[in-house]
Amino acid sequence: MTILVVDDDAGARRTMVDLLMAHGIERILTAETKHEALRRFRNDPAIRVVISDFHLPDGNGHELHAELHPELHARGAKFVAMSGKFTETTVKYFERHGVDLIHKPHIWKGIQSVARNK
């Protein structure tokens, strides 16, 4: 399985990659921005999971999900949003679309869940 990790914070990306690798995920791509994530996802049909920080320099996780939603569905891929804080509106949107949420202080449990479903 290939996972795309989207976060503008280099340390957070590295931590996420390390956690995923510790759970046996061997192919992990990264992106720093929404536009880079869109390009990487569209250019690599092997990506089955997108884990995205909510706050990105050129948009947010809601916008990224909305743009990728038809392609995620067609590919059978999953979107996971992570943030230190989600608004009630954001939580409702993601719940309507079956998006898992990872609260950054609890990344380890979220990664375990993603890795178990590989």
N, C-alpha and C. Protein backbone atom coordinates (compact mmCIF):
# COMPACT_ATOMS: atom_id res chain seq x y z
N MET A 1 0.85 -1.18 0.00
CA MET A 1 0.00 0.00 0.00
C MET A 1 0.88 1.24 0.00
N THR A 2 0.44 2.25 -0.71
CA THR A 2 1.14 3.53 -0.74
C THR A 2 0.29 4.57 -0.03
N ILE A 3 0.94 5.34 0.85
CA ILE A 3 0.27 6.39 1.61
C ILE A 3 0.91 7.73 1.26
N LEU A 4 0.08 8.74 1.11
CA LEU A 4 0.54 10.11 0.89
C LEU A 4 0.30 10.90 2.17
N VAL A 5 1.37 11.46 2.73
CA VAL A 5 1.30 12.28 3.94
C VAL A 5 1.44 13.74 3.52
N VAL A 6 0.47 14.57 3.91
CA VAL A 6 0.46 15.98 3.52
C VAL A 6 0.54 16.84 4.78
N ASP A 7 1.63 17.57 4.93
CA ASP A 7 1.80 18.46 6.07
C ASP A 7 2.90 19.45 5.72
N ASP A 8 2.67 20.73 6.01
CA ASP A 8 3.68 21.74 5.69
C ASP A 8 4.80 21.79 6.73
N ASP A 9 4.63 21.10 7.85
CA ASP A 9 5.65 21.06 8.89
C ASP A 9 6.56 19.85 8.66
N ALA A 10 7.83 20.11 8.35
CA ALA A 10 8.77 19.04 8.02
C ALA A 10 8.91 18.04 9.17
N GLY A 11 8.93 18.51 10.40
CA GLY A 11 9.05 17.62 11.55
C GLY A 11 7.84 16.72 11.69
N ALA A 12 6.66 17.27 11.47
CA ALA A 12 5.44 16.48 11.55
C ALA A 12 5.40 15.43 10.44
N ARG A 13 5.83 15.81 9.23
CA ARG A 13 5.89 14.84 8.12
C ARG A 13 6.84 13.70 8.47
N ARG A 14 8.00 14.04 8.99
CA ARG A 14 9.01 13.03 9.32
C ARG A 14 8.48 12.08 10.40
N THR A 15 7.83 12.65 11.42
CA THR A 15 7.26 11.82 12.49
C THR A 15 6.22 10.87 11.93
N MET A 16 5.35 11.38 11.07
CA MET A 16 4.30 10.55 10.47
C MET A 16 4.92 9.43 9.63
N VAL A 17 5.91 9.76 8.83
CA VAL A 17 6.58 8.75 8.01
C VAL A 17 7.22 7.69 8.91
N ASP A 18 7.91 8.12 9.95
CA ASP A 18 8.56 7.16 10.86
C ASP A 18 7.53 6.24 11.52
N LEU A 19 6.39 6.80 11.95
CA LEU A 19 5.35 5.98 12.58
C LEU A 19 4.76 4.98 11.60
N LEU A 20 4.51 5.42 10.39
CA LEU A 20 3.96 4.51 9.38
C LEU A 20 4.95 3.40 9.04
N MET A 21 6.21 3.76 8.90
CA MET A 21 7.23 2.74 8.61
C MET A 21 7.34 1.74 9.76
N ALA A 22 7.22 2.22 10.99
CA ALA A 22 7.27 1.32 12.15
C ALA A 22 6.11 0.33 12.14
N HIS A 23 5.04 0.67 11.42
CA HIS A 23 3.89 -0.22 11.31
C HIS A 23 3.88 -1.00 9.99
N GLY A 24 5.00 -1.03 9.32
CA GLY A 24 5.14 -1.87 8.15
C GLY A 24 4.73 -1.27 6.82
N ILE A 25 4.42 0.01 6.80
CA ILE A 25 4.10 0.66 5.53
C ILE A 25 5.43 1.00 4.86
N GLU A 26 5.65 0.47 3.68
CA GLU A 26 6.94 0.64 3.04
C GLU A 26 7.00 1.78 2.04
N ARG A 27 5.88 2.13 1.43
CA ARG A 27 5.90 3.18 0.41
C ARG A 27 5.08 4.35 0.88
N ILE A 28 5.78 5.41 1.23
CA ILE A 28 5.15 6.61 1.76
C ILE A 28 5.67 7.81 0.98
N LEU A 29 4.74 8.56 0.42
CA LEU A 29 5.08 9.79 -0.30
C LEU A 29 4.68 10.97 0.58
N THR A 30 5.30 12.11 0.34
CA THR A 30 4.95 13.28 1.14
C THR A 30 4.70 14.48 0.24
N ALA A 31 3.94 15.43 0.78
CA ALA A 31 3.68 16.69 0.10
C ALA A 31 3.57 17.77 1.18
N GLU A 32 3.97 19.00 0.81
CA GLU A 32 3.93 20.12 1.75
C GLU A 32 2.70 21.00 1.57
N THR A 33 2.08 20.95 0.40
CA THR A 33 0.97 21.85 0.08
C THR A 33 -0.20 21.07 -0.52
N LYS A 34 -1.34 21.72 -0.56
CA LYS A 34 -2.52 21.13 -1.19
C LYS A 34 -2.26 20.84 -2.66
N HIS A 35 -1.66 21.79 -3.36
CA HIS A 35 -1.42 21.60 -4.80
C HIS A 35 -0.42 20.49 -5.07
N GLU A 36 0.61 20.38 -4.24
CA GLU A 36 1.56 19.29 -4.40
C GLU A 36 0.87 17.95 -4.12
N ALA A 37 0.00 17.91 -3.13
CA ALA A 37 -0.73 16.68 -2.81
C ALA A 37 -1.64 16.27 -3.97
N LEU A 38 -2.35 17.24 -4.55
CA LEU A 38 -3.20 16.94 -5.70
C LEU A 38 -2.39 16.35 -6.84
N ARG A 39 -1.25 16.95 -7.14
CA ARG A 39 -0.39 16.47 -8.22
C ARG A 39 0.12 15.06 -7.94
N ARG A 40 0.63 14.84 -6.74
CA ARG A 40 1.17 13.52 -6.39
C ARG A 40 0.07 12.44 -6.45
N PHE A 41 -1.09 12.74 -5.89
CA PHE A 41 -2.18 11.76 -5.91
C PHE A 41 -2.58 11.42 -7.34
N ARG A 42 -2.74 12.42 -8.15
CA ARG A 42 -3.20 12.20 -9.53
C ARG A 42 -2.15 11.52 -10.39
N ASN A 43 -0.87 11.65 -10.02
CA ASN A 43 0.20 11.03 -10.80
C ASN A 43 0.61 9.66 -10.30
N ASP A 44 0.02 9.19 -9.20
CA ASP A 44 0.42 7.90 -8.65
C ASP A 44 -0.81 7.08 -8.27
N PRO A 45 -1.27 6.21 -9.17
CA PRO A 45 -2.48 5.43 -8.91
C PRO A 45 -2.32 4.40 -7.79
N ALA A 46 -1.11 4.21 -7.27
CA ALA A 46 -0.90 3.26 -6.18
C ALA A 46 -1.29 3.84 -4.82
N ILE A 47 -1.47 5.15 -4.73
CA ILE A 47 -1.82 5.77 -3.44
C ILE A 47 -3.22 5.31 -3.04
N ARG A 48 -3.31 4.73 -1.84
CA ARG A 48 -4.58 4.23 -1.32
C ARG A 48 -5.06 4.99 -0.08
N VAL A 49 -4.15 5.76 0.54
CA VAL A 49 -4.52 6.54 1.72
C VAL A 49 -3.85 7.90 1.62
N VAL A 50 -4.62 8.95 1.88
CA VAL A 50 -4.08 10.31 2.00
C VAL A 50 -4.30 10.74 3.44
N ILE A 51 -3.21 11.05 4.12
CA ILE A 51 -3.28 11.57 5.50
C ILE A 51 -2.85 13.03 5.41
N SER A 52 -3.78 13.93 5.70
CA SER A 52 -3.49 15.35 5.51
C SER A 52 -3.73 16.17 6.77
N ASP A 53 -2.77 17.04 7.05
CA ASP A 53 -2.98 18.05 8.07
C ASP A 53 -4.12 18.93 7.59
N PHE A 54 -4.86 19.50 8.52
CA PHE A 54 -5.98 20.34 8.12
C PHE A 54 -5.53 21.69 7.60
N HIS A 55 -4.53 22.28 8.24
CA HIS A 55 -4.07 23.62 7.85
C HIS A 55 -2.85 23.51 6.94
N LEU A 56 -3.01 23.97 5.72
CA LEU A 56 -1.93 23.94 4.73
C LEU A 56 -1.70 25.36 4.21
N PRO A 57 -0.51 25.65 3.71
CA PRO A 57 -0.22 27.02 3.29
C PRO A 57 -1.08 27.52 2.13
N ASP A 58 -1.58 26.61 1.31
CA ASP A 58 -2.36 27.03 0.14
C ASP A 58 -3.80 26.50 0.18
N GLY A 59 -4.28 26.21 1.37
CA GLY A 59 -5.64 25.71 1.50
C GLY A 59 -5.80 24.96 2.81
N ASN A 60 -6.75 24.03 2.81
CA ASN A 60 -6.93 23.23 4.02
C ASN A 60 -7.38 21.82 3.64
N GLY A 61 -7.45 20.97 4.64
CA GLY A 61 -7.81 19.58 4.42
C GLY A 61 -9.20 19.38 3.85
N HIS A 62 -10.11 20.25 4.22
CA HIS A 62 -11.48 20.20 3.69
C HIS A 62 -11.44 20.42 2.18
N GLU A 63 -10.72 21.46 1.74
CA GLU A 63 -10.61 21.76 0.31
C GLU A 63 -9.92 20.62 -0.44
N LEU A 64 -8.85 20.08 0.16
CA LEU A 64 -8.13 18.98 -0.49
C LEU A 64 -9.06 17.78 -0.63
N HIS A 65 -9.78 17.44 0.41
CA HIS A 65 -10.70 16.32 0.33
C HIS A 65 -11.78 16.56 -0.72
N ALA A 66 -12.35 17.76 -0.71
CA ALA A 66 -13.41 18.07 -1.67
C ALA A 66 -12.92 17.92 -3.11
N GLU A 67 -11.69 18.35 -3.39
CA GLU A 67 -11.15 18.23 -4.75
C GLU A 67 -10.83 16.79 -5.11
N LEU A 68 -10.40 16.01 -4.13
CA LEU A 68 -10.02 14.62 -4.41
C LEU A 68 -11.18 13.63 -4.28
N HIS A 69 -12.27 14.05 -3.67
CA HIS A 69 -13.35 13.11 -3.33
C HIS A 69 -13.76 12.17 -4.47
N PRO A 70 -14.06 12.68 -5.67
CA PRO A 70 -14.46 11.75 -6.74
C PRO A 70 -13.35 10.75 -7.09
N GLU A 71 -12.12 11.22 -7.08
CA GLU A 71 -10.99 10.34 -7.42
C GLU A 71 -10.72 9.33 -6.31
N LEU A 72 -10.84 9.76 -5.06
CA LEU A 72 -10.69 8.83 -3.94
C LEU A 72 -11.72 7.71 -4.05
N HIS A 73 -12.95 8.10 -4.29
CA HIS A 73 -14.05 7.13 -4.40
C HIS A 73 -13.79 6.15 -5.55
N ALA A 74 -13.43 6.68 -6.70
CA ALA A 74 -13.19 5.84 -7.88
C ALA A 74 -12.05 4.85 -7.65
N ARG A 75 -11.07 5.27 -6.90
CA ARG A 75 -9.87 4.46 -6.65
C ARG A 75 -10.04 3.55 -5.44
N GLY A 76 -11.07 3.78 -4.66
CA GLY A 76 -11.22 3.02 -3.42
C GLY A 76 -10.22 3.44 -2.37
N ALA A 77 -9.80 4.70 -2.44
CA ALA A 77 -8.79 5.22 -1.51
C ALA A 77 -9.47 5.91 -0.33
N LYS A 78 -8.71 6.08 0.72
CA LYS A 78 -9.21 6.64 1.97
C LYS A 78 -8.52 7.97 2.26
N PHE A 79 -9.26 8.89 2.88
CA PHE A 79 -8.73 10.18 3.29
C PHE A 79 -8.80 10.26 4.81
N VAL A 80 -7.70 10.68 5.43
CA VAL A 80 -7.63 10.85 6.87
C VAL A 80 -7.17 12.27 7.13
N ALA A 81 -7.93 13.01 7.93
CA ALA A 81 -7.58 14.40 8.26
C ALA A 81 -6.99 14.45 9.66
N MET A 82 -5.96 15.29 9.85
CA MET A 82 -5.39 15.44 11.18
C MET A 82 -5.21 16.92 11.50
N SER A 83 -5.39 17.21 12.78
CA SER A 83 -5.26 18.59 13.24
C SER A 83 -5.19 18.60 14.76
N GLY A 84 -4.68 19.68 15.29
CA GLY A 84 -4.70 19.87 16.73
C GLY A 84 -6.08 20.28 17.19
N LYS A 85 -6.88 20.85 16.28
CA LYS A 85 -8.22 21.29 16.64
C LYS A 85 -9.11 21.31 15.40
N PHE A 86 -10.25 20.66 15.50
CA PHE A 86 -11.25 20.67 14.44
C PHE A 86 -12.47 21.45 14.91
N THR A 87 -13.04 22.26 14.02
CA THR A 87 -14.29 22.94 14.36
C THR A 87 -15.44 21.95 14.24
N GLU A 88 -16.55 22.26 14.84
CA GLU A 88 -17.73 21.39 14.76
C GLU A 88 -18.19 21.22 13.31
N THR A 89 -18.13 22.30 12.54
CA THR A 89 -18.52 22.24 11.13
C THR A 89 -17.62 21.29 10.35
N THR A 90 -16.32 21.38 10.61
CA THR A 90 -15.35 20.51 9.93
C THR A 90 -15.59 19.06 10.30
N VAL A 91 -15.80 18.79 11.56
CA VAL A 91 -16.05 17.42 12.01
C VAL A 91 -17.30 16.86 11.32
N LYS A 92 -18.36 17.65 11.25
CA LYS A 92 -19.60 17.19 10.61
C LYS A 92 -19.37 16.90 9.12
N TYR A 93 -18.61 17.77 8.44
CA TYR A 93 -18.32 17.55 7.02
C TYR A 93 -17.58 16.23 6.84
N PHE A 94 -16.52 16.04 7.61
CA PHE A 94 -15.72 14.83 7.46
C PHE A 94 -16.51 13.58 7.83
N GLU A 95 -17.33 13.67 8.87
CA GLU A 95 -18.15 12.52 9.24
C GLU A 95 -19.13 12.15 8.13
N ARG A 96 -19.73 13.15 7.49
CA ARG A 96 -20.65 12.89 6.36
C ARG A 96 -19.96 12.15 5.23
N HIS A 97 -18.65 12.38 5.09
CA HIS A 97 -17.91 11.79 3.98
C HIS A 97 -17.06 10.58 4.39
N GLY A 98 -17.24 10.10 5.61
CA GLY A 98 -16.52 8.91 6.05
C GLY A 98 -15.03 9.11 6.23
N VAL A 99 -14.64 10.33 6.54
CA VAL A 99 -13.22 10.65 6.73
C VAL A 99 -12.86 10.44 8.20
N ASP A 100 -11.80 9.68 8.44
CA ASP A 100 -11.30 9.51 9.81
C ASP A 100 -10.56 10.77 10.23
N LEU A 101 -10.64 11.08 11.51
CA LEU A 101 -9.95 12.25 12.06
C LEU A 101 -8.90 11.80 13.06
N ILE A 102 -7.72 12.38 12.94
CA ILE A 102 -6.65 12.15 13.90
C ILE A 102 -6.37 13.47 14.58
N HIS A 103 -6.51 13.48 15.89
CA HIS A 103 -6.17 14.68 16.65
C HIS A 103 -4.69 14.61 16.98
N LYS A 104 -3.93 15.61 16.56
CA LYS A 104 -2.48 15.56 16.63
C LYS A 104 -1.90 15.12 17.97
N PRO A 105 -2.47 15.47 19.08
CA PRO A 105 -1.86 14.92 20.30
C PRO A 105 -2.00 13.40 20.39
N HIS A 106 -2.85 12.82 19.56
CA HIS A 106 -3.12 11.38 19.63
C HIS A 106 -2.74 10.69 18.32
N ILE A 107 -1.69 11.13 17.68
CA ILE A 107 -1.29 10.59 16.37
C ILE A 107 -1.04 9.09 16.43
N TRP A 108 -0.41 8.60 17.47
CA TRP A 108 -0.04 7.19 17.54
C TRP A 108 -1.25 6.28 17.35
N LYS A 109 -2.36 6.54 18.06
CA LYS A 109 -3.56 5.72 17.93
C LYS A 109 -4.13 5.82 16.52
N GLY A 110 -4.11 6.99 15.93
CA GLY A 110 -4.61 7.16 14.57
C GLY A 110 -3.79 6.39 13.56
N ILE A 111 -2.48 6.40 13.72
CA ILE A 111 -1.59 5.67 12.80
C ILE A 111 -1.82 4.17 12.96
N GLN A 112 -2.00 3.70 14.17
CA GLN A 112 -2.26 2.28 14.37
C GLN A 112 -3.52 1.86 13.63
N SER A 113 -4.53 2.71 13.65
CA SER A 113 -5.78 2.40 12.96
C SER A 113 -5.57 2.34 11.45
N VAL A 114 -4.84 3.31 10.90
CA VAL A 114 -4.57 3.32 9.45
C VAL A 114 -3.75 2.10 9.07
N ALA A 115 -2.74 1.77 9.84
CA ALA A 115 -1.86 0.64 9.52
C ALA A 115 -2.61 -0.69 9.59
N ARG A 116 -3.53 -0.83 10.54
CA ARG A 116 -4.30 -2.08 10.66
C ARG A 116 -5.18 -2.30 9.45
N ASN A 117 -5.59 -1.24 8.79
CA ASN A 117 -6.50 -1.36 7.65
C ASN A 117 -5.78 -1.44 6.32
N LYS A 118 -4.49 -1.69 6.33
CA LYS A 118 -3.73 -1.69 5.08
C LYS A 118 -4.05 -2.83 4.16
